[in-house]
Amino acid sequence: MQGMDQALAQITERVRAAVADQTPLRIRGGGTKDFHGRALRGDVLDTRLLSGITSYEPSELVITARAGTPLAELEAALAAKGQCLPFEPPHFSPGATVGGMVAAGLSGPARASVGAVRDYVLGVSLINGRAEPLTFGGQVMKNVAGYDVSRLMAGAWGTLGLLTEVSLKVLPVAPAEATLRFECNQADALRKLHAWGGQPLPLNASCWLQDGGVGTLYVRLRGAVAAVQAACKSMGGTLLDNAATAPDWSACRDHTLPWFAQRAQQPDLALWRLSLPATAPVLALPAAAQPLVEWHGALRWVQAPASAGDALRAAAEAVGGSASVFVAVSAYPESASGQFDPKSAALAQIHARVKQAFDPAGIFNPGRLAAAW
C-alpha cells in the first residue's frame, strides 16, 4: 500500500509540474489503443505504476481496481469466481489496462444486449487538471446523490483527467451459451435480427460477414439453460461447438478476424465505424466494400479509403446514424481517426466548458478528441 501511495504522489507531482510549466501530458496505460484518436502529443504519463485490485466482493457484484491494472488480471480474478464484465471490453493487443478500458469507452460484441462500459462504472478516483485528487460515485449500484460524473469519464479518452481507480459492477457468467450459424445475404440477416429482436429470446451477440465468399450470420445466445435450448430449436440454423466459437468471438472483439486483416494487404484503406439505428437497412457503400455487421445491425465496420468519407457519412446520416474513421490509413495518419464531432455549436460549447472545468490548462491528451482540446 505504501508503494501505491508513493506512486500516486509521484504521478500527482508530475501533473502539478505540467500545470506549472504548461507542458502537455499524454496519459498512457498499455498503449493498446494508440492507433485511435486525432493526435498523440505530450510527455508520456504511464499509469501502470498504479496497479492492483483493491477490493472485490463477489457477493456484492462489485470490483475496484487501480487504473493501471492489466485488464487480463481483472478478468482472470472475475472468472475464478464465475463472474465477468458482460460488455466484453476489447483488448486489441496484450497490455490493456482497466483505466484505458474506461477512458476509451469501447465495448465488444455483446454491447447491444447488455449495455456499454459506462453502464457498469460505479465510481472513479482521478486527478484533475489542477493536480487535485477527486472521487465520484462509490462502490454500490445505487449512487443517486449529485451528478453522475464517474460515467462522464467513460469515452473521454483521458482528456478530462487522469483516472487512478475505478469501481465496476460485474455479473455472473451466463449458465448457458450457444452459437448458431445461418447462410444468408446481409438483407436477410438484418430481417432475421429485427424479427428476433422483438421476441423474448436470449440474444447476446451477432456478426454478419462474407465468410469464404458466402454471406454468413453468427448469433450468440446467452442466458438460462431452458431459454437457450428453446431458442436453438425455434430459431433454426446450425448449432456450433462453443469451444470452437469462443476464440472467434474474442477475435471479433479484438479485430483479429481475417476480415479485419484485409487492410494489411491494402494500406490505402481506413477502417470506418458506422453507428446506426438497429433497424437501418442495407446501405449503399463504395464498390467492393462488404461490411462486417455487429450489434444486431447497429454497428457496421467498413474498409474504405479516406476519400470515401463523404459518401459514408452521407449514407449513415440518411438513416439517422454517423460514420467515423476508427483506424486511419497508415500512409496518411492525418486522416484523423476518432475525430470528435459534436454536430452543433451548442453541444460543442458544453463540451468545451466541461473540459475547462476539469482541465483548465489543457494539459491532458491535447488534440486527442478535437483540434481545439
Protein backbone atom coordinates (compact mmCIF):
# COMPACT_ATOMS: atom_id res chain seq x y z
CA MET A 1 0.00 0.00 0.00
CA GLN A 2 2.85 2.37 0.83
CA GLY A 3 4.30 1.78 -2.62
CA MET A 4 0.97 2.71 -4.21
CA ASP A 5 0.79 5.87 -2.11
CA GLN A 6 4.26 6.81 -3.33
CA ALA A 7 3.31 6.10 -6.95
CA LEU A 8 0.19 8.24 -6.63
CA ALA A 9 2.20 11.05 -5.05
CA GLN A 10 4.76 10.81 -7.84
CA ILE A 11 2.11 10.98 -10.55
CA THR A 12 0.32 13.86 -8.81
CA GLU A 13 3.58 15.80 -8.70
CA ARG A 14 4.07 15.16 -12.45
CA VAL A 15 0.66 16.68 -13.10
CA ARG A 16 1.38 19.64 -10.82
CA ALA A 17 4.65 20.34 -12.61
CA ALA A 18 2.98 20.03 -16.01
CA VAL A 19 0.34 22.57 -14.99
CA ALA A 20 3.01 24.99 -13.79
CA ASP A 21 5.07 24.62 -16.97
CA GLN A 22 2.06 24.35 -19.32
CA THR A 23 3.53 21.05 -20.55
CA PRO A 24 1.05 18.68 -22.23
CA LEU A 25 0.81 15.14 -20.87
CA ARG A 26 -0.06 12.03 -22.82
CA ILE A 27 -1.83 9.62 -20.46
CA ARG A 28 -0.94 6.06 -21.39
CA GLY A 29 -1.52 2.61 -19.91
CA GLY A 30 -0.65 -0.36 -22.10
CA GLY A 31 -0.84 1.72 -25.29
CA THR A 32 -3.15 -0.82 -26.92
CA LYS A 33 -5.40 1.92 -28.33
CA ASP A 34 -2.72 4.35 -29.52
CA PHE A 35 -3.99 3.80 -33.06
CA HIS A 36 -7.23 5.63 -32.30
CA GLY A 37 -7.67 9.37 -31.98
CA ARG A 38 -6.61 12.58 -33.66
CA ALA A 39 -3.18 13.03 -32.08
CA LEU A 40 -0.72 11.57 -29.58
CA ARG A 41 1.14 14.53 -28.11
CA GLY A 42 2.87 15.37 -24.86
CA ASP A 43 5.18 13.69 -22.38
CA VAL A 44 4.02 10.15 -21.60
CA LEU A 45 2.46 9.71 -18.16
CA ASP A 46 2.41 5.95 -17.56
CA THR A 47 -0.50 4.77 -15.40
CA ARG A 48 0.87 1.25 -14.93
CA LEU A 49 2.54 2.37 -11.69
CA LEU A 50 -0.98 2.33 -10.25
CA SER A 51 -1.77 -1.38 -10.37
CA GLY A 52 -3.72 -3.91 -8.36
CA ILE A 53 -7.23 -4.95 -7.35
CA THR A 54 -8.03 -3.04 -4.17
CA SER A 55 -11.45 -4.53 -3.38
CA TYR A 56 -13.54 -7.38 -4.71
CA GLU A 57 -16.82 -8.53 -3.19
CA PRO A 58 -18.23 -11.32 -5.40
CA SER A 59 -21.43 -11.46 -3.37
CA GLU A 60 -21.94 -7.71 -3.97
CA LEU A 61 -21.05 -7.93 -7.69
CA VAL A 62 -18.54 -5.07 -7.36
CA ILE A 63 -14.81 -4.89 -8.06
CA THR A 64 -12.45 -1.95 -7.56
CA ALA A 65 -9.04 -1.73 -9.22
CA ARG A 66 -6.36 0.86 -9.82
CA ALA A 67 -6.27 2.33 -13.31
CA GLY A 68 -3.02 0.70 -14.38
CA THR A 69 -4.18 -2.82 -13.50
CA PRO A 70 -3.91 -5.18 -16.50
CA LEU A 71 -7.39 -5.87 -17.83
CA ALA A 72 -6.46 -9.54 -18.22
CA GLU A 73 -5.64 -9.71 -14.50
CA LEU A 74 -9.02 -8.28 -13.54
CA GLU A 75 -10.89 -10.61 -15.90
CA ALA A 76 -8.99 -13.61 -14.53
CA ALA A 77 -9.96 -12.68 -10.97
CA LEU A 78 -13.60 -12.44 -12.02
CA ALA A 79 -13.50 -15.72 -13.94
CA ALA A 80 -12.16 -17.52 -10.86
CA LYS A 81 -15.42 -16.57 -9.12
CA GLY A 82 -17.67 -17.33 -12.10
CA GLN A 83 -18.17 -13.65 -12.92
CA CYS A 84 -17.34 -11.35 -15.83
CA LEU A 85 -17.50 -7.92 -17.46
CA PRO A 86 -20.60 -8.54 -19.62
CA PHE A 87 -19.80 -5.77 -22.11
CA GLU A 88 -16.65 -7.61 -23.26
CA PRO A 89 -14.15 -4.74 -23.48
CA PRO A 90 -11.73 -5.14 -26.39
CA HIS A 91 -8.02 -5.63 -25.63
CA PHE A 92 -6.74 -5.23 -29.23
CA SER A 93 -3.32 -6.41 -28.01
CA PRO A 94 -1.68 -7.59 -24.77
CA GLY A 95 -1.27 -4.97 -22.07
CA ALA A 96 -4.71 -3.34 -21.98
CA THR A 97 -5.46 -1.69 -18.63
CA VAL A 98 -8.59 -1.06 -16.59
CA GLY A 99 -8.17 2.70 -16.83
CA GLY A 100 -7.70 2.52 -20.58
CA MET A 101 -10.84 0.41 -20.87
CA VAL A 102 -12.91 3.10 -19.14
CA ALA A 103 -11.19 6.03 -20.85
CA ALA A 104 -11.80 4.52 -24.30
CA GLY A 105 -15.38 3.51 -23.51
CA LEU A 106 -15.32 0.75 -26.12
CA SER A 107 -17.46 -2.38 -25.80
CA GLY A 108 -17.41 -5.74 -27.54
CA PRO A 109 -19.92 -7.95 -29.39
CA ALA A 110 -22.47 -8.09 -26.53
CA ARG A 111 -22.84 -4.29 -26.29
CA ALA A 112 -26.32 -4.09 -27.85
CA SER A 113 -27.72 -6.67 -25.43
CA VAL A 114 -26.03 -5.93 -22.10
CA GLY A 115 -25.04 -2.25 -22.25
CA ALA A 116 -21.83 -0.26 -22.57
CA VAL A 117 -18.80 0.31 -20.35
CA ARG A 118 -20.34 3.45 -18.83
CA ASP A 119 -23.35 1.44 -17.64
CA TYR A 120 -21.07 -0.59 -15.36
CA VAL A 121 -18.96 2.24 -13.92
CA LEU A 122 -20.00 2.81 -10.30
CA GLY A 123 -17.27 5.21 -9.23
CA VAL A 124 -13.88 6.66 -10.14
CA SER A 125 -11.00 8.44 -8.48
CA LEU A 126 -8.97 10.83 -10.62
CA ILE A 127 -6.50 13.68 -10.67
CA ASN A 128 -7.86 16.75 -12.42
CA GLY A 129 -6.03 19.46 -14.35
CA ARG A 130 -5.29 21.33 -11.13
CA ALA A 131 -3.47 18.30 -9.67
CA GLU A 132 -6.36 17.78 -7.24
CA PRO A 133 -7.49 14.26 -6.25
CA LEU A 134 -11.22 13.83 -6.80
CA THR A 135 -13.60 10.93 -6.18
CA PHE A 136 -17.04 10.45 -7.74
CA GLY A 137 -19.64 7.73 -7.26
CA GLY A 138 -18.87 4.80 -5.00
CA GLN A 139 -18.90 1.04 -4.71
CA VAL A 140 -22.62 0.39 -4.67
CA MET A 141 -25.11 0.18 -7.52
CA LYS A 142 -27.40 2.96 -6.22
CA ASN A 143 -25.43 6.19 -6.31
CA VAL A 144 -28.16 8.79 -6.53
CA ALA A 145 -26.65 11.92 -4.99
CA GLY A 146 -25.24 14.64 -7.24
CA TYR A 147 -24.09 14.43 -10.85
CA ASP A 148 -23.05 11.09 -12.35
CA VAL A 149 -19.55 12.36 -13.10
CA SER A 150 -17.94 8.93 -12.90
CA ARG A 151 -19.67 7.79 -16.09
CA LEU A 152 -18.62 11.00 -17.82
CA MET A 153 -15.08 9.60 -17.82
CA ALA A 154 -16.11 6.65 -20.00
CA GLY A 155 -15.13 7.55 -23.55
CA ALA A 156 -13.39 10.82 -22.59
CA TRP A 157 -10.02 9.35 -23.69
CA GLY A 158 -8.23 10.92 -20.74
CA THR A 159 -8.99 14.48 -21.82
CA LEU A 160 -10.77 15.36 -18.56
CA GLY A 161 -8.41 13.86 -16.01
CA LEU A 162 -6.10 11.05 -15.04
CA LEU A 163 -8.05 8.05 -13.73
CA THR A 164 -6.39 6.48 -10.70
CA GLU A 165 -9.02 3.95 -9.51
CA VAL A 166 -12.26 2.52 -10.89
CA SER A 167 -15.16 0.63 -9.31
CA LEU A 168 -17.19 -1.58 -11.65
CA LYS A 169 -20.39 -3.57 -11.50
CA VAL A 170 -19.89 -7.18 -12.61
CA LEU A 171 -22.28 -10.05 -13.35
CA PRO A 172 -22.27 -13.84 -13.09
CA VAL A 173 -21.28 -15.77 -16.20
CA ALA A 174 -24.42 -16.92 -18.02
CA PRO A 175 -25.31 -20.54 -17.20
CA ALA A 176 -25.79 -21.45 -20.87
CA GLU A 177 -24.39 -20.30 -24.21
CA ALA A 178 -24.83 -21.34 -27.85
CA THR A 179 -23.78 -20.02 -31.26
CA LEU A 180 -25.95 -20.53 -34.35
CA ARG A 181 -24.83 -20.08 -37.97
CA PHE A 182 -27.03 -19.06 -40.90
CA GLU A 183 -26.03 -18.70 -44.53
CA CYS A 184 -27.79 -15.57 -45.85
CA ASN A 185 -27.14 -12.24 -47.51
CA GLN A 186 -26.94 -9.03 -45.50
CA ALA A 187 -30.55 -8.00 -46.12
CA ASP A 188 -31.87 -11.38 -44.92
CA ALA A 189 -29.56 -11.25 -41.90
CA LEU A 190 -30.93 -7.84 -40.90
CA ARG A 191 -34.51 -9.06 -41.34
CA LYS A 192 -33.82 -12.05 -39.10
CA LEU A 193 -32.17 -9.90 -36.43
CA HIS A 194 -35.00 -7.37 -36.47
CA ALA A 195 -37.60 -10.13 -36.12
CA TRP A 196 -35.72 -11.87 -33.29
CA GLY A 197 -35.23 -8.55 -31.52
CA GLY A 198 -38.98 -8.32 -30.97
CA GLN A 199 -39.17 -11.74 -29.35
CA PRO A 200 -38.23 -12.89 -25.84
CA LEU A 201 -35.02 -14.60 -26.98
CA PRO A 202 -31.67 -14.63 -25.12
CA LEU A 203 -29.86 -12.80 -27.94
CA ASN A 204 -26.39 -11.75 -26.78
CA ALA A 205 -24.26 -11.01 -29.86
CA SER A 206 -24.37 -11.21 -33.64
CA CYS A 207 -21.94 -10.92 -36.52
CA TRP A 208 -22.63 -10.98 -40.26
CA LEU A 209 -19.84 -11.02 -42.83
CA GLN A 210 -18.72 -12.59 -46.06
CA ASP A 211 -17.08 -15.78 -44.81
CA GLY A 212 -15.19 -17.51 -47.60
CA GLY A 213 -17.27 -15.60 -50.14
CA VAL A 214 -20.53 -16.72 -48.52
CA GLY A 215 -22.75 -14.35 -46.56
CA THR A 216 -22.90 -15.79 -43.04
CA LEU A 217 -24.69 -14.69 -39.89
CA TYR A 218 -23.46 -15.84 -36.49
CA VAL A 219 -25.73 -15.36 -33.49
CA ARG A 220 -24.67 -15.98 -29.90
CA LEU A 221 -27.27 -16.83 -27.27
CA ARG A 222 -26.65 -16.49 -23.52
CA GLY A 223 -28.95 -16.96 -20.57
CA ALA A 224 -30.83 -19.60 -18.65
CA VAL A 225 -30.35 -23.17 -19.86
CA ALA A 226 -34.01 -23.64 -20.76
CA ALA A 227 -34.15 -20.32 -22.62
CA VAL A 228 -31.06 -21.06 -24.71
CA GLN A 229 -32.23 -24.58 -25.55
CA ALA A 230 -35.68 -23.34 -26.59
CA ALA A 231 -34.17 -20.58 -28.74
CA CYS A 232 -31.90 -23.04 -30.55
CA LYS A 233 -34.96 -25.08 -31.51
CA SER A 234 -37.13 -22.14 -32.60
CA MET A 235 -34.52 -20.10 -34.48
CA GLY A 236 -33.07 -22.86 -36.62
CA GLY A 237 -29.64 -22.55 -38.17
CA THR A 238 -26.62 -24.75 -37.48
CA LEU A 239 -25.55 -25.18 -33.88
CA LEU A 240 -21.79 -24.74 -33.47
CA ASP A 241 -19.42 -26.02 -30.80
CA ASN A 242 -18.89 -23.47 -28.02
CA ALA A 243 -15.20 -24.33 -27.57
CA ALA A 244 -14.59 -23.73 -31.27
CA THR A 245 -16.52 -20.47 -31.50
CA ALA A 246 -15.24 -18.78 -28.31
CA PRO A 247 -11.91 -17.76 -29.94
CA ASP A 248 -13.82 -16.37 -32.92
CA TRP A 249 -15.96 -14.12 -30.73
CA SER A 250 -12.80 -12.92 -28.98
CA ALA A 251 -11.23 -12.26 -32.38
CA CYS A 252 -14.32 -10.29 -33.37
CA ARG A 253 -13.96 -8.26 -30.18
CA ASP A 254 -10.25 -7.55 -30.76
CA HIS A 255 -10.44 -7.06 -34.55
CA THR A 256 -8.22 -10.03 -35.33
CA LEU A 257 -10.68 -11.87 -37.58
CA PRO A 258 -9.41 -12.41 -41.16
CA TRP A 259 -11.93 -9.78 -42.31
CA PHE A 260 -10.04 -7.07 -40.41
CA ALA A 261 -6.66 -8.35 -41.63
CA GLN A 262 -7.51 -7.47 -45.23
CA ARG A 263 -6.29 -3.93 -44.63
CA ALA A 264 -2.73 -5.24 -44.25
CA GLN A 265 -2.70 -6.02 -47.98
CA GLN A 266 -4.44 -2.74 -48.88
CA PRO A 267 -2.73 0.07 -46.92
CA ASP A 268 -4.86 2.73 -48.63
CA LEU A 269 -7.95 1.54 -46.72
CA ALA A 270 -9.10 3.02 -43.44
CA LEU A 271 -11.36 1.16 -41.01
CA TRP A 272 -14.65 3.05 -40.71
CA ARG A 273 -17.12 2.67 -37.85
CA LEU A 274 -20.77 3.26 -38.75
CA SER A 275 -23.08 3.66 -35.76
CA LEU A 276 -26.69 3.28 -36.92
CA PRO A 277 -30.19 2.56 -35.67
CA ALA A 278 -30.59 -1.22 -35.41
CA THR A 279 -33.44 -1.04 -37.92
CA ALA A 280 -31.31 0.64 -40.63
CA PRO A 281 -31.45 -1.18 -43.99
CA VAL A 282 -28.53 -2.30 -46.13
CA LEU A 283 -26.55 0.83 -47.02
CA ALA A 284 -25.24 1.79 -50.43
CA LEU A 285 -21.48 1.54 -49.89
CA PRO A 286 -18.47 2.15 -52.14
CA ALA A 287 -17.86 -0.57 -54.71
CA ALA A 288 -16.41 -3.80 -53.28
CA ALA A 289 -16.87 -2.61 -49.68
CA GLN A 290 -18.55 -5.50 -47.88
CA PRO A 291 -19.25 -4.57 -44.25
CA LEU A 292 -18.95 -6.61 -41.09
CA VAL A 293 -22.21 -6.11 -39.19
CA GLU A 294 -22.40 -6.33 -35.39
CA TRP A 295 -24.77 -5.39 -32.56
CA HIS A 296 -27.85 -6.79 -34.34
CA GLY A 297 -27.34 -4.31 -37.20
CA ALA A 298 -26.48 -1.19 -35.20
CA LEU A 299 -22.69 -1.31 -35.74
CA ARG A 300 -21.17 -1.75 -39.19
CA TRP A 301 -17.48 -1.85 -39.96
CA VAL A 302 -16.38 -0.82 -43.44
CA GLN A 303 -12.93 -0.83 -45.03
CA ALA A 304 -12.69 2.06 -47.49
CA PRO A 305 -10.24 4.81 -48.47
CA ALA A 306 -10.36 8.19 -46.75
CA SER A 307 -11.73 9.64 -49.99
CA ALA A 308 -14.96 7.68 -49.42
CA GLY A 309 -15.62 9.60 -46.21
CA ASP A 310 -18.24 11.98 -47.59
CA ALA A 311 -20.23 9.12 -49.15
CA LEU A 312 -20.08 7.03 -45.98
CA ARG A 313 -21.10 9.92 -43.73
CA ALA A 314 -23.98 10.81 -46.04
CA ALA A 315 -25.21 7.21 -46.13
CA ALA A 316 -25.07 6.91 -42.35
CA GLU A 317 -26.69 10.27 -41.68
CA ALA A 318 -29.51 9.48 -44.12
CA VAL A 319 -30.71 6.73 -41.77
CA GLY A 320 -30.07 8.65 -38.56
CA GLY A 321 -26.55 7.42 -37.82
CA SER A 322 -22.95 8.55 -38.09
CA ALA A 323 -19.68 7.38 -39.65
CA SER A 324 -16.15 7.98 -38.38
CA VAL A 325 -12.66 6.65 -39.02
CA PHE A 326 -11.71 4.10 -36.37
CA VAL A 327 -8.24 3.25 -37.73
CA ALA A 328 -6.70 5.83 -40.04
CA VAL A 329 -4.93 4.98 -43.29
CA SER A 330 -1.39 4.08 -42.22
CA ALA A 331 0.19 6.10 -45.02
CA TYR A 332 -1.97 9.13 -44.20
CA PRO A 333 -2.34 9.39 -40.40
CA GLU A 334 -3.64 12.92 -40.82
CA SER A 335 -6.96 11.35 -41.87
CA ALA A 336 -7.69 11.55 -38.11
CA SER A 337 -9.34 8.52 -36.61
CA GLY A 338 -11.80 9.05 -33.80
CA GLN A 339 -12.40 12.69 -34.62
CA PHE A 340 -14.91 14.18 -32.20
CA ASP A 341 -17.79 15.89 -33.99
CA PRO A 342 -20.34 17.49 -31.61
CA LYS A 343 -22.75 18.19 -34.54
CA SER A 344 -23.90 21.51 -33.08
CA ALA A 345 -22.35 24.72 -31.74
CA ALA A 346 -24.35 24.42 -28.51
CA LEU A 347 -23.08 20.91 -27.82
CA ALA A 348 -19.53 21.98 -28.66
CA GLN A 349 -19.79 24.75 -26.07
CA ILE A 350 -20.99 22.31 -23.42
CA HIS A 351 -18.06 20.00 -24.06
CA ALA A 352 -15.64 22.94 -24.03
CA ARG A 353 -17.00 24.10 -20.65
CA VAL A 354 -16.69 20.61 -19.18
CA LYS A 355 -13.11 20.45 -20.43
CA GLN A 356 -12.40 23.86 -18.93
CA ALA A 357 -13.81 22.79 -15.57
CA PHE A 358 -11.74 19.62 -15.31
CA ASP A 359 -8.59 20.64 -17.18
CA PRO A 360 -8.34 24.45 -17.39
CA ALA A 361 -4.73 24.44 -18.59
CA GLY A 362 -5.49 21.87 -21.30
CA ILE A 363 -2.61 19.57 -20.39
CA PHE A 364 -4.34 16.18 -20.64
CA ASN A 365 -4.15 14.44 -24.04
CA PRO A 366 -4.45 17.67 -26.05
CA GLY A 367 -5.88 17.16 -29.53
CA ARG A 368 -6.86 13.53 -28.90
CA LEU A 369 -10.58 14.12 -29.48
CA ALA A 370 -10.75 17.54 -31.11
CA ALA A 371 -8.29 20.03 -32.55
CA ALA A 372 -9.35 22.69 -30.05
CA TRP A 373 -8.68 20.48 -26.96
